[in-house]
Protein backbone atom coordinates (compact mmCIF):
# COMPACT_ATOMS: atom_id res chain seq x y z
CA MET A 1 -69.93 17.46 48.89
CA SER A 2 -69.47 13.85 47.82
CA ALA A 3 -67.41 13.22 44.72
CA ILE A 4 -70.29 11.15 43.36
CA ALA A 5 -72.70 14.04 43.33
CA VAL A 6 -70.39 16.70 41.97
CA GLY A 7 -71.59 18.38 38.80
CA THR A 8 -70.41 21.46 36.94
CA PRO A 9 -72.58 23.91 35.01
CA ARG A 10 -70.29 23.67 32.00
CA PRO A 11 -68.58 20.27 31.77
CA ALA A 12 -64.93 20.27 30.74
CA ALA A 13 -64.10 19.12 27.24
CA LEU A 14 -63.36 15.41 27.14
CA PRO A 15 -59.81 14.51 26.07
CA ARG A 16 -58.78 13.49 22.56
CA ALA A 17 -58.10 9.91 23.66
CA PHE A 18 -61.67 9.54 24.89
CA TRP A 19 -63.06 10.67 21.55
CA ALA A 20 -60.78 8.14 19.85
CA LEU A 21 -62.41 5.46 22.02
CA TRP A 22 -65.80 6.83 21.03
CA VAL A 23 -64.94 6.57 17.33
CA CYS A 24 -63.52 3.10 17.93
CA GLN A 25 -66.77 1.93 19.59
CA LEU A 26 -68.85 3.45 16.80
CA VAL A 27 -66.78 1.86 14.01
CA ASN A 28 -66.72 -1.49 15.78
CA ARG A 29 -70.51 -1.57 16.16
CA LEU A 30 -71.11 -0.30 12.63
CA GLY A 31 -69.47 -3.52 11.44
CA SER A 32 -71.14 -5.92 13.89
CA PHE A 33 -72.66 -7.99 11.13
CA VAL A 34 -71.73 -11.58 11.89
CA GLN A 35 -73.27 -12.33 15.27
CA PRO A 36 -76.90 -11.35 14.41
CA PHE A 37 -76.74 -13.51 11.25
CA LEU A 38 -74.52 -16.32 12.52
CA VAL A 39 -77.29 -18.90 12.94
CA LEU A 40 -78.69 -18.13 9.49
CA TYR A 41 -75.21 -18.43 7.96
CA LEU A 42 -74.56 -21.75 9.63
CA THR A 43 -77.90 -23.25 8.64
CA HIS A 44 -78.02 -21.89 5.10
CA ASP A 45 -74.38 -21.87 3.95
CA ARG A 46 -72.92 -24.60 6.16
CA HIS A 47 -76.10 -26.70 6.23
CA LEU A 48 -75.96 -27.33 9.99
CA SER A 49 -79.06 -28.18 11.95
CA ALA A 50 -80.76 -25.46 13.94
CA GLY A 51 -79.67 -27.10 17.20
CA THR A 52 -76.02 -27.28 16.13
CA ALA A 53 -76.09 -23.71 14.87
CA GLY A 54 -77.55 -22.55 18.18
CA ALA A 55 -74.82 -24.42 20.05
CA VAL A 56 -72.14 -22.69 17.92
CA ALA A 57 -73.76 -19.36 18.77
CA ALA A 58 -73.63 -20.38 22.43
CA ALA A 59 -69.88 -20.98 21.99
CA VAL A 60 -69.57 -17.32 20.97
CA GLY A 61 -71.47 -16.41 24.15
CA ALA A 62 -69.15 -18.58 26.25
CA GLY A 63 -66.19 -16.76 24.79
CA THR A 64 -67.84 -13.43 25.55
CA VAL A 65 -68.28 -14.30 29.22
CA THR A 66 -64.72 -15.60 29.50
CA ALA A 67 -63.45 -12.41 27.84
CA GLN A 68 -64.59 -10.31 30.78
CA LEU A 69 -62.17 -12.02 33.16
CA VAL A 70 -59.34 -12.40 30.64
CA GLY A 71 -59.76 -8.82 29.39
CA GLY A 72 -59.74 -7.42 32.89
CA PHE A 73 -56.63 -9.40 33.81
CA LEU A 74 -54.78 -8.30 30.67
CA ALA A 75 -55.83 -4.67 31.10
CA ASP A 76 -54.20 -4.61 34.53
CA ARG A 77 -51.15 -6.73 33.72
CA VAL A 78 -50.08 -5.84 30.16
CA GLY A 79 -51.94 -2.57 29.79
CA ARG A 80 -55.21 -1.18 28.43
CA ARG A 81 -53.85 -0.25 25.01
CA LEU A 82 -52.21 -3.60 24.23
CA THR A 83 -55.35 -5.42 25.38
CA MET A 84 -57.51 -3.42 22.98
CA LEU A 85 -55.07 -3.98 20.15
CA ILE A 86 -55.07 -7.74 20.77
CA CYS A 87 -58.86 -7.59 20.79
CA PHE A 88 -59.47 -5.73 17.55
CA PHE A 89 -56.71 -7.24 15.41
CA GLY A 90 -57.35 -10.70 16.87
CA THR A 91 -61.08 -10.42 16.23
CA GLY A 92 -60.45 -9.62 12.59
CA ALA A 93 -58.39 -12.79 12.21
CA ALA A 94 -60.94 -14.91 14.16
CA LEU A 95 -63.80 -13.69 11.98
CA ILE A 96 -61.96 -14.64 8.78
CA LEU A 97 -61.17 -18.04 10.32
CA LEU A 98 -64.80 -18.62 11.25
CA GLY A 99 -66.04 -17.54 7.83
CA SER A 100 -63.67 -19.91 6.04
CA ALA A 101 -63.92 -22.87 8.44
CA ARG A 102 -65.35 -26.11 7.03
CA ASP A 103 -64.32 -28.60 9.68
CA MET A 104 -66.74 -28.72 12.62
CA ALA A 105 -63.98 -28.62 15.22
CA LEU A 106 -62.54 -25.49 13.62
CA ILE A 107 -65.98 -23.88 13.55
CA TRP A 108 -66.35 -24.49 17.30
CA VAL A 109 -62.89 -23.13 18.10
CA SER A 110 -63.17 -20.07 15.86
CA ALA A 111 -66.65 -19.27 17.22
CA PHE A 112 -65.29 -19.31 20.78
CA LEU A 113 -62.36 -17.12 19.67
CA VAL A 114 -64.72 -14.60 18.06
CA GLY A 115 -66.55 -14.24 21.37
CA LEU A 116 -63.36 -14.20 23.46
CA LEU A 117 -61.32 -11.80 21.35
CA GLY A 118 -64.32 -9.68 20.39
CA ASP A 119 -65.09 -8.72 23.97
CA LEU A 120 -61.60 -8.40 25.45
CA PHE A 121 -61.79 -4.66 24.91
CA ARG A 122 -64.74 -3.99 27.23
CA PRO A 123 -62.92 -4.04 30.60
CA ALA A 124 -59.98 -2.20 29.02
CA VAL A 125 -62.21 0.56 27.63
CA GLN A 126 -64.06 0.93 30.93
CA ALA A 127 -60.78 1.13 32.83
CA THR A 128 -59.26 3.59 30.33
CA VAL A 129 -62.17 5.99 30.79
CA ALA A 130 -61.74 5.80 34.56
CA ASP A 131 -57.98 6.40 34.14
CA LEU A 132 -58.40 9.39 31.84
CA LEU A 133 -61.24 11.24 33.56
CA GLN A 134 -62.06 12.63 36.94
CA PRO A 135 -65.04 11.02 38.76
CA ALA A 136 -67.38 13.91 37.95
CA GLU A 137 -66.82 13.44 34.18
CA ARG A 138 -67.27 9.67 33.99
CA VAL A 139 -71.06 9.43 33.84
CA ARG A 140 -71.19 11.67 30.75
CA ALA A 141 -68.32 9.73 29.16
CA TYR A 142 -69.82 6.28 29.73
CA GLY A 143 -73.15 7.55 28.48
CA LEU A 144 -71.58 8.80 25.25
CA LEU A 145 -69.89 5.43 24.70
CA PHE A 146 -73.23 3.72 25.24
CA TRP A 147 -74.74 6.04 22.66
CA ALA A 148 -72.01 5.28 20.14
CA ILE A 149 -72.57 1.55 20.56
CA ASN A 150 -76.31 1.87 19.96
CA LEU A 151 -75.92 4.31 17.06
CA GLY A 152 -73.54 1.94 15.34
CA PHE A 153 -75.68 -1.11 16.01
CA SER A 154 -78.79 0.61 14.72
CA VAL A 155 -77.08 1.23 11.39
CA SER A 156 -75.43 -2.21 11.25
CA THR A 157 -78.67 -4.16 11.68
CA VAL A 158 -80.07 -2.48 8.58
CA SER A 159 -76.96 -2.65 6.41
CA ALA A 160 -76.23 -6.26 7.47
CA GLY A 161 -79.46 -7.39 5.86
CA VAL A 162 -78.43 -5.77 2.59
CA LEU A 163 -74.93 -7.32 2.69
CA ALA A 164 -76.37 -10.74 3.62
CA SER A 165 -78.46 -10.68 0.44
CA LEU A 166 -75.16 -10.51 -1.49
CA GLY A 167 -73.73 -13.48 0.37
CA TYR A 168 -73.05 -14.29 4.01
CA GLY A 169 -69.33 -14.54 3.38
CA LEU A 170 -69.18 -10.79 2.77
CA LEU A 171 -70.40 -10.18 6.36
CA PHE A 172 -67.26 -11.80 7.78
CA TRP A 173 -64.87 -9.73 5.65
CA VAL A 174 -66.58 -6.39 6.30
CA ASN A 175 -66.92 -7.14 10.03
CA ALA A 176 -63.21 -8.08 10.14
CA ALA A 177 -62.28 -4.88 8.27
CA THR A 178 -64.14 -2.63 10.71
CA SER A 179 -62.46 -4.44 13.60
CA VAL A 180 -59.04 -3.76 12.09
CA ILE A 181 -59.97 -0.09 11.52
CA ALA A 182 -60.98 0.17 15.19
CA GLY A 183 -57.60 -1.29 16.13
CA LEU A 184 -55.80 1.27 13.96
CA VAL A 185 -57.67 4.06 15.76
CA ILE A 186 -56.40 2.71 19.09
CA TRP A 187 -52.89 2.33 17.67
CA ALA A 188 -52.77 5.91 16.42
CA MET A 189 -54.69 7.87 19.01
CA VAL A 190 -55.01 6.11 22.39
CA PRO A 191 -51.95 6.10 24.68
CA GLU A 192 -51.48 3.65 27.53
CA SER A 193 -53.34 4.96 30.58
CA ARG A 194 -52.73 2.28 33.20
CA PRO A 195 -51.57 3.94 36.44
CA ALA A 196 -48.22 2.93 37.83
CA PRO A 197 -48.81 0.38 40.63
CA GLU A 198 -48.25 1.38 44.23
CA PRO A 199 -45.22 -0.36 45.75
CA ASN A 200 -47.31 -2.16 48.38
CA ALA A 201 -50.01 -3.15 45.92
CA ALA A 202 -47.98 -4.41 42.97
CA GLY A 203 -48.88 -7.91 41.87
CA ARG A 204 -51.93 -8.28 44.12
CA SER A 205 -54.22 -11.17 43.33
CA LEU A 206 -57.82 -10.38 42.60
CA LEU A 207 -59.61 -13.14 44.51
CA PRO A 208 -58.44 -12.33 48.06
CA VAL A 209 -59.34 -8.67 47.60
CA VAL A 210 -62.76 -9.37 46.09
CA ALA A 211 -63.59 -11.99 48.73
CA ARG A 212 -63.26 -9.29 51.40
CA ASP A 213 -65.08 -6.61 49.41
CA THR A 214 -68.64 -7.04 50.58
CA VAL A 215 -69.89 -3.89 48.87
CA PHE A 216 -68.55 -5.02 45.50
CA LEU A 217 -70.01 -8.49 45.87
CA LEU A 218 -73.42 -7.05 46.67
CA MET A 219 -73.15 -4.78 43.63
CA VAL A 220 -72.37 -7.85 41.53
CA LEU A 221 -75.55 -9.54 42.79
CA ILE A 222 -77.56 -6.40 42.02
CA GLN A 223 -76.11 -6.30 38.50
CA ILE A 224 -77.08 -9.94 37.96
CA GLY A 225 -80.62 -9.10 39.09
CA TYR A 226 -80.78 -6.15 36.69
CA ALA A 227 -79.51 -8.21 33.74
CA THR A 228 -82.07 -10.91 34.57
CA ILE A 229 -84.86 -8.35 34.14
CA TYR A 230 -83.31 -6.68 31.10
CA MET A 231 -82.95 -9.90 29.11
CA GLN A 232 -86.73 -10.42 29.18
CA GLY A 233 -86.88 -7.94 26.31
CA TYR A 234 -85.04 -10.36 24.03
CA SER A 235 -86.39 -13.69 25.27
CA THR A 236 -89.76 -13.52 27.04
CA LEU A 237 -91.20 -10.44 25.37
CA PRO A 238 -91.47 -11.91 21.82
CA LEU A 239 -93.18 -15.01 23.24
CA ALA A 240 -95.62 -12.94 25.28
CA MET A 241 -96.48 -10.78 22.29
CA ALA A 242 -97.05 -13.90 20.18
CA GLY A 243 -99.38 -15.16 22.91
CA ASP A 244 -101.39 -11.96 22.47
CA GLY A 245 -101.69 -12.64 18.74
CA LEU A 246 -98.99 -10.18 17.64
CA SER A 247 -96.63 -11.10 14.81
CA SER A 248 -92.86 -11.37 14.91
CA ARG A 249 -92.75 -8.36 12.59
CA THR A 250 -94.66 -6.37 15.21
CA TYR A 251 -92.15 -7.47 17.85
CA GLY A 252 -89.36 -6.29 15.59
CA LEU A 253 -90.93 -2.87 15.24
CA VAL A 254 -91.65 -2.60 18.95
CA ILE A 255 -88.14 -3.64 20.05
CA ALA A 256 -86.68 -1.22 17.50
CA LEU A 257 -88.06 1.56 19.72
CA ASN A 258 -85.30 0.66 22.14
CA GLY A 259 -82.57 1.79 19.76
CA VAL A 260 -84.57 4.79 18.55
CA VAL A 261 -85.11 6.11 22.07
CA ILE A 262 -81.45 5.60 22.99
CA VAL A 263 -80.11 7.36 19.91
CA LEU A 264 -82.51 10.28 20.27
CA ALA A 265 -82.64 10.75 24.03
CA GLN A 266 -79.23 9.85 25.42
CA PRO A 267 -77.34 12.95 24.14
CA PHE A 268 -79.87 15.18 25.85
CA LEU A 269 -79.97 13.21 29.10
CA GLY A 270 -76.23 12.67 29.45
CA ARG A 271 -75.15 15.99 30.92
CA TRP A 272 -78.17 16.15 33.20
CA MET A 273 -77.48 12.68 34.56
CA ALA A 274 -73.86 13.59 35.26
CA LYS A 275 -75.08 16.06 37.91
CA LEU A 276 -77.10 13.47 39.84
CA ASP A 277 -76.11 11.31 42.77
CA ARG A 278 -74.73 8.14 41.18
CA PRO A 279 -76.06 5.40 43.50
CA LYS A 280 -79.49 7.00 43.55
CA LEU A 281 -79.54 7.40 39.75
CA LEU A 282 -78.50 3.76 39.41
CA ALA A 283 -81.19 2.62 41.84
CA SER A 284 -83.89 4.72 40.14
CA SER A 285 -82.85 3.51 36.69
CA MET A 286 -83.10 -0.15 37.67
CA LEU A 287 -86.48 0.50 39.28
CA VAL A 288 -87.73 2.12 36.04
CA VAL A 289 -86.55 -0.91 34.06
CA GLY A 290 -88.35 -3.30 36.44
CA LEU A 291 -91.55 -1.26 36.34
CA GLY A 292 -91.33 -0.87 32.59
CA PHE A 293 -91.34 -4.63 32.14
CA GLY A 294 -94.04 -4.85 34.81
CA LEU A 295 -96.34 -2.96 32.46
CA GLY A 296 -96.52 -6.18 30.46
CA ALA A 297 -98.95 -7.49 33.06
CA VAL A 298 -101.62 -5.05 31.92
CA VAL A 299 -100.93 -4.45 28.20
CA HIS A 300 -101.88 -6.64 25.28
CA SER A 301 -101.67 -4.35 22.21
CA TRP A 302 -98.69 -3.30 20.11
CA TRP A 303 -98.81 0.23 21.43
CA GLY A 304 -99.01 -1.01 25.04
CA TYR A 305 -95.89 -3.11 24.57
CA GLY A 306 -94.29 -0.16 22.76
CA LEU A 307 -94.97 2.03 25.81
CA SER A 308 -93.37 -0.62 28.00
CA VAL A 309 -90.24 -0.65 25.81
CA VAL A 310 -89.95 3.13 25.92
CA VAL A 311 -90.22 3.14 29.73
CA TRP A 312 -87.59 0.46 30.34
CA THR A 313 -85.32 1.98 27.71
CA ILE A 314 -85.25 5.25 29.66
CA GLY A 315 -84.15 3.25 32.68
CA GLU A 316 -81.55 1.45 30.55
CA ILE A 317 -80.05 4.79 29.48
CA GLY A 318 -79.55 5.79 33.12
CA PHE A 319 -78.14 2.42 34.08
CA ALA A 320 -75.67 2.25 31.17
CA ALA A 321 -74.41 5.76 31.84
CA VAL A 322 -73.77 5.29 35.56
CA ILE A 323 -72.90 1.62 36.17
CA GLY A 324 -69.35 1.95 34.83
CA ALA A 325 -68.75 5.06 36.93
CA VAL A 326 -70.01 3.34 40.08
CA PHE A 327 -67.74 0.33 39.56
CA ALA A 328 -64.87 2.69 38.77
CA ASP A 329 -65.47 4.39 42.11
CA LEU A 330 -65.41 0.97 43.83
CA ALA A 331 -62.32 -0.48 42.17
CA PRO A 332 -58.84 -0.30 43.69
CA ILE A 333 -56.65 1.47 41.16
CA ASP A 334 -54.33 -1.51 40.62
CA LEU A 335 -57.28 -3.90 40.11
CA ARG A 336 -59.45 -1.54 38.08
CA GLY A 337 -59.43 -3.60 34.89
CA ARG A 338 -60.24 -6.85 36.70
CA TYR A 339 -63.05 -5.24 38.72
CA MET A 340 -64.53 -3.98 35.43
CA GLY A 341 -64.16 -7.47 34.01
CA LEU A 342 -66.04 -9.01 36.93
CA SER A 343 -68.76 -6.40 36.48
CA GLY A 344 -69.12 -7.41 32.84
CA MET A 345 -69.14 -11.09 33.79
CA ALA A 346 -71.91 -10.46 36.32
CA PHE A 347 -74.03 -8.97 33.55
CA GLY A 348 -73.20 -12.03 31.43
CA VAL A 349 -74.46 -14.34 34.18
CA GLY A 350 -77.72 -12.39 34.20
CA THR A 351 -78.05 -12.81 30.45
CA VAL A 352 -77.99 -16.58 31.02
CA ILE A 353 -80.37 -16.61 34.01
CA GLY A 354 -82.81 -14.10 32.50
CA PRO A 355 -83.99 -16.08 29.46
CA LEU A 356 -84.19 -19.33 31.43
CA ALA A 357 -86.16 -17.78 34.29
CA GLY A 358 -88.43 -15.63 32.13
CA THR A 359 -89.41 -18.21 29.54
CA ASN A 360 -90.09 -20.88 32.18
CA ALA A 361 -92.11 -18.48 34.27
CA LEU A 362 -94.15 -17.52 31.18
CA GLU A 363 -94.80 -21.20 30.36
CA HIS A 364 -95.69 -22.37 33.87
CA LEU A 365 -97.00 -19.26 35.65
CA GLY A 366 -98.35 -17.12 32.80
CA PRO A 367 -97.54 -13.62 31.57
CA THR A 368 -99.14 -11.69 34.43
CA VAL A 369 -97.03 -13.37 37.11
CA THR A 370 -93.91 -13.14 34.93
CA TRP A 371 -94.17 -9.41 34.36
CA LEU A 372 -95.17 -8.69 37.94
CA GLY A 373 -92.12 -10.71 38.97
CA CYS A 374 -89.97 -8.33 36.95
CA ALA A 375 -91.50 -5.37 38.77
CA VAL A 376 -90.97 -7.02 42.17
CA LEU A 377 -87.35 -7.81 41.35
CA GLY A 378 -86.92 -4.19 40.19
CA VAL A 379 -88.22 -2.93 43.55
CA ALA A 380 -85.93 -5.35 45.40
CA ILE A 381 -82.77 -4.25 43.64
CA PHE A 382 -83.84 -0.61 44.03
CA ILE A 383 -84.04 -1.08 47.79
CA GLY A 384 -80.75 -2.94 47.85
CA GLN A 385 -79.00 -0.24 45.80
CA CYS A 386 -80.34 2.52 48.03
CA ALA A 387 -79.10 0.65 51.10
CA LEU A 388 -75.62 0.46 49.59
CA ALA A 389 -75.51 4.19 48.71
CA PRO A 390 -73.66 5.34 51.88
CA ALA A 391 -70.99 2.66 51.45
CA LEU A 392 -70.56 3.61 47.77
CA HIS A 393 -70.18 7.27 48.66
CA ALA A 394 -67.54 6.39 51.28
CA ARG A 395 -65.60 4.19 48.85
CA ALA A 396 -65.68 6.87 46.14
CA ALA A 397 -64.39 9.46 48.55
CA ALA A 398 -61.59 7.12 49.75
CA ASN A 399 -60.52 6.25 46.22
CA ALA A 400 -60.58 9.92 45.17
CA THR A 401 -57.92 10.70 47.76
CA THR A 402 -55.57 8.08 46.27
CA THR A 403 -55.76 9.27 42.63
């Protein structure tokens, strides 16, 4: 039986270091106050124009994309643990710098640093889970981390509004404090997990390996396609709902269903998903996301859009739980962190393409064509993922023999 499809009736207990990572993710997201309110802070407290504030927010995004490559490189070269410590302690300092910056140049630099340092941990966390756990346990583990992120963010979006009413400056200090707490959890409870390099693989460069890895490159393209669809929920969807006469408050309530469904459903779906064939689960999840957005072509009421959100959220749960495990199966052990970083960067590229493609399609082609385009793209990446399944199984089996 393929290592991808293996499941056990009673999953083994996950190690202490994994649960420390889970707590770290939860604490970090509980304090994610600054980014959602950054534009408001810059326009209200710093009196910047909306365009300038948006550009500063884009600088955070640029740092986030860059962090995927830098974080993956550091995770492989200096270690997972040190990379995460740099991330969390460095983010705390960058947040304080951004919150106190008055000079425009310093605002730009500190915003980029918040994005860069704030996301360095992602490839390191993904690689650490792959280091600590056997392939059969990874889907459940990645799903639990996804749940922790969404649980923390659901709480932070509510509490951030309360803190912002007391002053935006408080957001920076509390966000920085939670980042430092997350770093202390790593310091105390997460050992270094990076495998010792093989003698013939030590010091390998990423680019020559990736350039020959056709399966990985195709997976990157599929991930970009998925992210392009997914980002319609945060760019095109509010515009389409406004076109149907629905208020921004209604959009807020509808999109909140995403977090509610994740928090309630993921713990029950996690162990079941761990028993499924990974490439097929990934393909099916992306198809469900595409079809969920495709429902927008035939709905015009708040409950119709709410149904659409529930459908694509179910697909999102499956995707988030399995995508890290699939890339972990693909990655050479000595390049695991950098492969995870490229995976995260691919998603970042999709988050840039998605809003541009979706909003322009809505403006020039109309909502029906836009949402049907999401469904068609979902079918396309489903077919592509299914076609790659045999190669993914073979790579997982080959990597399993080297661990």
